C-alpha atoms as a PDB file:
ATOM      1  CA  UNK A   1    -244.109-144.637 179.711  1.00  0.00           C
ATOM      2  CA  UNK A   2    -243.607-147.543 177.228  1.00  0.00           C
ATOM      3  CA  UNK A   3    -243.317-150.984 176.654  1.00  0.00           C
ATOM      4  CA  UNK A   4    -241.139-153.076 174.400  1.00  0.00           C
ATOM      5  CA  UNK A   5    -242.059-156.886 173.535  1.00  0.00           C
ATOM      6  CA  UNK A   6    -239.958-159.052 171.260  1.00  0.00           C
ATOM      7  CA  UNK A   7    -240.275-161.976 169.839  1.00  0.00           C
ATOM      8  CA  UNK A   8    -238.834-164.085 166.569  1.00  0.00           C
ATOM      9  CA  UNK A   9    -235.261-165.315 168.486  1.00  0.00           C
ATOM     10  CA  UNK A  10    -234.707-168.368 168.607  1.00  0.00           C
ATOM     11  CA  UNK A  11    -231.010-170.910 166.422  1.00  0.00           C
ATOM     12  CA  UNK A  12    -230.936-170.649 163.022  1.00  0.00           C
ATOM     13  CA  UNK A  13    -228.059-172.797 161.093  1.00  0.00           C
ATOM     14  CA  UNK A  14    -225.605-170.438 158.061  1.00  0.00           C
ATOM     15  CA  UNK A  15    -227.562-168.265 155.779  1.00  0.00           C
ATOM     16  CA  UNK A  16    -231.125-169.257 157.425  1.00  0.00           C
ATOM     17  CA  UNK A  17    -233.554-166.700 158.083  1.00  0.00           C
ATOM     18  CA  UNK A  18    -235.867-165.325 161.672  1.00  0.00           C
ATOM     19  CA  UNK A  19    -238.008-162.991 162.023  1.00  0.00           C
ATOM     20  CA  UNK A  20    -237.677-160.457 165.012  1.00  0.00           C
ATOM     21  CA  UNK A  21    -241.032-158.107 166.236  1.00  0.00           C
ATOM     22  CA  UNK A  22    -241.248-155.674 168.758  1.00  0.00           C
ATOM     23  CA  UNK A  23    -243.944-154.540 169.614  1.00  0.00           C
ATOM     24  CA  UNK A  24    -244.868-152.148 171.802  1.00  0.00           C
ATOM     25  CA  UNK A  25    -247.716-150.774 173.942  1.00  0.00           C
ATOM     26  CA  UNK A  26    -248.583-147.771 177.101  1.00  0.00           C
ATOM     27  CA  UNK A  27    -248.383-144.647 175.663  1.00  0.00           C
ATOM     28  CA  UNK A  28    -247.484-145.094 172.582  1.00  0.00           C
ATOM     29  CA  UNK A  29    -248.743-141.656 171.863  1.00  0.00           C
ATOM     30  CA  UNK A  30    -245.520-139.705 169.207  1.00  0.00           C
ATOM     31  CA  UNK A  31    -243.538-142.695 167.824  1.00  0.00           C
ATOM     32  CA  UNK A  32    -240.645-141.727 166.283  1.00  0.00           C
ATOM     33  CA  UNK A  33    -236.795-143.317 165.433  1.00  0.00           C
ATOM     34  CA  UNK A  34    -237.618-147.807 165.583  1.00  0.00           C
ATOM     35  CA  UNK A  35    -234.202-149.348 165.693  1.00  0.00           C
ATOM     36  CA  UNK A  36    -233.224-152.694 167.004  1.00  0.00           C
ATOM     37  CA  UNK A  37    -229.373-152.585 168.120  1.00  0.00           C
ATOM     38  CA  UNK A  38    -227.190-155.767 168.998  1.00  0.00           C
ATOM     39  CA  UNK A  39    -225.026-156.839 171.345  1.00  0.00           C
ATOM     40  CA  UNK A  40    -222.240-159.897 171.439  1.00  0.00           C
ATOM     41  CA  UNK A  41    -220.158-161.250 173.185  1.00  0.00           C
ATOM     42  CA  UNK A  42    -217.208-158.997 174.376  1.00  0.00           C
ATOM     43  CA  UNK A  43    -218.105-156.217 172.282  1.00  0.00           C
ATOM     44  CA  UNK A  44    -219.918-152.691 172.356  1.00  0.00           C
ATOM     45  CA  UNK A  45    -223.791-152.249 171.902  1.00  0.00           C
ATOM     46  CA  UNK A  46    -224.079-151.655 168.102  1.00  0.00           C
ATOM     47  CA  UNK A  47    -226.813-149.917 165.274  1.00  0.00           C
ATOM     48  CA  UNK A  48    -228.023-152.951 163.400  1.00  0.00           C
ATOM     49  CA  UNK A  49    -230.908-150.270 161.528  1.00  0.00           C
ATOM     50  CA  UNK A  50    -232.995-147.807 162.271  1.00  0.00           C
ATOM     51  CA  UNK A  51    -236.512-146.261 160.487  1.00  0.00           C
ATOM     52  CA  UNK A  52    -238.209-143.559 161.139  1.00  0.00           C
ATOM     53  CA  UNK A  53    -241.690-141.847 161.691  1.00  0.00           C
ATOM     54  CA  UNK A  54    -241.105-141.126 158.026  1.00  0.00           C
ATOM     55  CA  UNK A  55    -240.166-144.638 156.454  1.00  0.00           C
ATOM     56  CA  UNK A  56    -235.856-144.177 155.527  1.00  0.00           C
ATOM     57  CA  UNK A  57    -234.638-147.173 157.186  1.00  0.00           C
ATOM     58  CA  UNK A  58    -230.043-147.080 157.793  1.00  0.00           C
ATOM     59  CA  UNK A  59    -227.973-150.247 158.406  1.00  0.00           C
ATOM     60  CA  UNK A  60    -224.722-150.930 159.263  1.00  0.00           C
ATOM     61  CA  UNK A  61    -222.909-152.028 156.746  1.00  0.00           C
ATOM     62  CA  UNK A  62    -222.366-155.065 157.591  1.00  0.00           C
ATOM     63  CA  UNK A  63    -226.325-156.193 157.568  1.00  0.00           C
ATOM     64  CA  UNK A  64    -226.803-154.334 154.306  1.00  0.00           C
ATOM     65  CA  UNK A  65    -228.227-156.488 152.507  1.00  0.00           C
ATOM     66  CA  UNK A  66    -229.912-159.213 154.347  1.00  0.00           C
ATOM     67  CA  UNK A  67    -231.368-157.677 156.979  1.00  0.00           C
ATOM     68  CA  UNK A  68    -234.427-155.536 155.777  1.00  0.00           C
ATOM     69  CA  UNK A  69    -236.404-153.377 159.035  1.00  0.00           C
ATOM     70  CA  UNK A  70    -240.111-152.153 158.834  1.00  0.00           C
ATOM     71  CA  UNK A  71    -243.049-150.728 160.702  1.00  0.00           C
ATOM     72  CA  UNK A  72    -246.816-151.460 160.973  1.00  0.00           C
ATOM     73  CA  UNK A  73    -247.512-148.098 162.783  1.00  0.00           C
ATOM     74  CA  UNK A  74    -250.965-149.125 163.182  1.00  0.00           C
ATOM     75  CA  UNK A  75    -250.028-151.739 165.558  1.00  0.00           C
ATOM     76  CA  UNK A  76    -247.088-150.190 167.083  1.00  0.00           C
ATOM     77  CA  UNK A  77    -244.919-153.313 165.346  1.00  0.00           C
ATOM     78  CA  UNK A  78    -241.277-152.781 163.647  1.00  0.00           C
ATOM     79  CA  UNK A  79    -239.499-156.245 162.068  1.00  0.00           C
ATOM     80  CA  UNK A  80    -236.430-157.184 161.766  1.00  0.00           C
ATOM     81  CA  UNK A  81    -236.613-159.459 158.719  1.00  0.00           C
ATOM     82  CA  UNK A  82    -232.515-161.475 158.870  1.00  0.00           C
ATOM     83  CA  UNK A  83    -231.706-163.605 155.412  1.00  0.00           C
ATOM     84  CA  UNK A  84    -228.264-164.875 154.932  1.00  0.00           C
ATOM     85  CA  UNK A  85    -227.290-165.349 158.752  1.00  0.00           C
ATOM     86  CA  UNK A  86    -224.380-165.510 159.593  1.00  0.00           C
ATOM     87  CA  UNK A  87    -221.880-167.017 163.076  1.00  0.00           C
ATOM     88  CA  UNK A  88    -220.753-163.442 163.546  1.00  0.00           C
ATOM     89  CA  UNK A  89    -224.438-162.174 162.991  1.00  0.00           C
ATOM     90  CA  UNK A  90    -225.171-164.266 166.834  1.00  0.00           C
ATOM     91  CA  UNK A  91    -225.636-161.230 169.355  1.00  0.00           C
ATOM     92  CA  UNK A  92    -228.739-160.600 171.611  1.00  0.00           C
ATOM     93  CA  UNK A  93    -230.938-158.235 169.526  1.00  0.00           C
ATOM     94  CA  UNK A  94    -232.307-154.720 171.612  1.00  0.00           C
ATOM     95  CA  UNK A  95    -235.320-153.706 170.672  1.00  0.00           C
ATOM     96  CA  UNK A  96    -235.352-149.544 169.806  1.00  0.00           C
ATOM     97  CA  UNK A  97    -237.792-147.039 170.647  1.00  0.00           C
ATOM     98  CA  UNK A  98    -237.903-142.895 170.021  1.00  0.00           C
ATOM     99  CA  UNK A  99    -240.210-141.063 171.873  1.00  0.00           C
ATOM    100  CA  UNK A 100    -239.654-137.434 170.912  1.00  0.00           C
ATOM    101  CA  UNK A 101    -236.896-136.974 173.538  1.00  0.00           C
ATOM    102  CA  UNK A 102    -237.196-140.637 174.852  1.00  0.00           C
ATOM    103  CA  UNK A 103    -235.234-144.345 174.274  1.00  0.00           C
ATOM    104  CA  UNK A 104    -237.154-147.046 175.220  1.00  0.00           C
ATOM    105  CA  UNK A 105    -236.107-150.830 175.118  1.00  0.00           C
ATOM    106  CA  UNK A 106    -236.652-153.807 175.219  1.00  0.00           C
ATOM    107  CA  UNK A 107    -234.871-156.957 177.340  1.00  0.00           C
ATOM    108  CA  UNK A 108    -233.639-158.354 174.734  1.00  0.00           C
ATOM    109  CA  UNK A 109    -233.647-161.241 172.634  1.00  0.00           C
ATOM    110  CA  UNK A 110    -231.119-163.790 171.771  1.00  0.00           C
ATOM    111  CA  UNK A 111    -229.840-164.795 167.957  1.00  0.00           C
ATOM    112  CA  UNK A 112    -227.384-167.917 167.652  1.00  0.00           C
ATOM    113  CA  UNK A 113    -226.507-168.960 163.583  1.00  0.00           C
ATOM    114  CA  UNK A 114    -224.733-172.005 163.926  1.00  0.00           C
ATOM    115  CA  UNK A 115    -221.887-172.109 161.964  1.00  0.00           C
END
């Protein structure tokens, strides 16, 4: 079993930046893809960014050029650097880790961007 601990969420003004971190612990053997999802009120959960074990990344069109996902395999941690934040980025952000065929989720961290 994998446990995920998220940090870095909070309140920020439009145009500001936040850096989310998600540290995996427990059975961290052979972690595959790691990513971030978000869910805004009244909307479905959507993929924000994902990074594979080989370093390949993919982003939602709405965050391209503003967000950067990275991972530190030695620390079993995935990061999401969020720049030029917009009010529409307001959501609960969830860390996700794929280990073989099993998905693990964090508790979620609130990101609120004020106009």
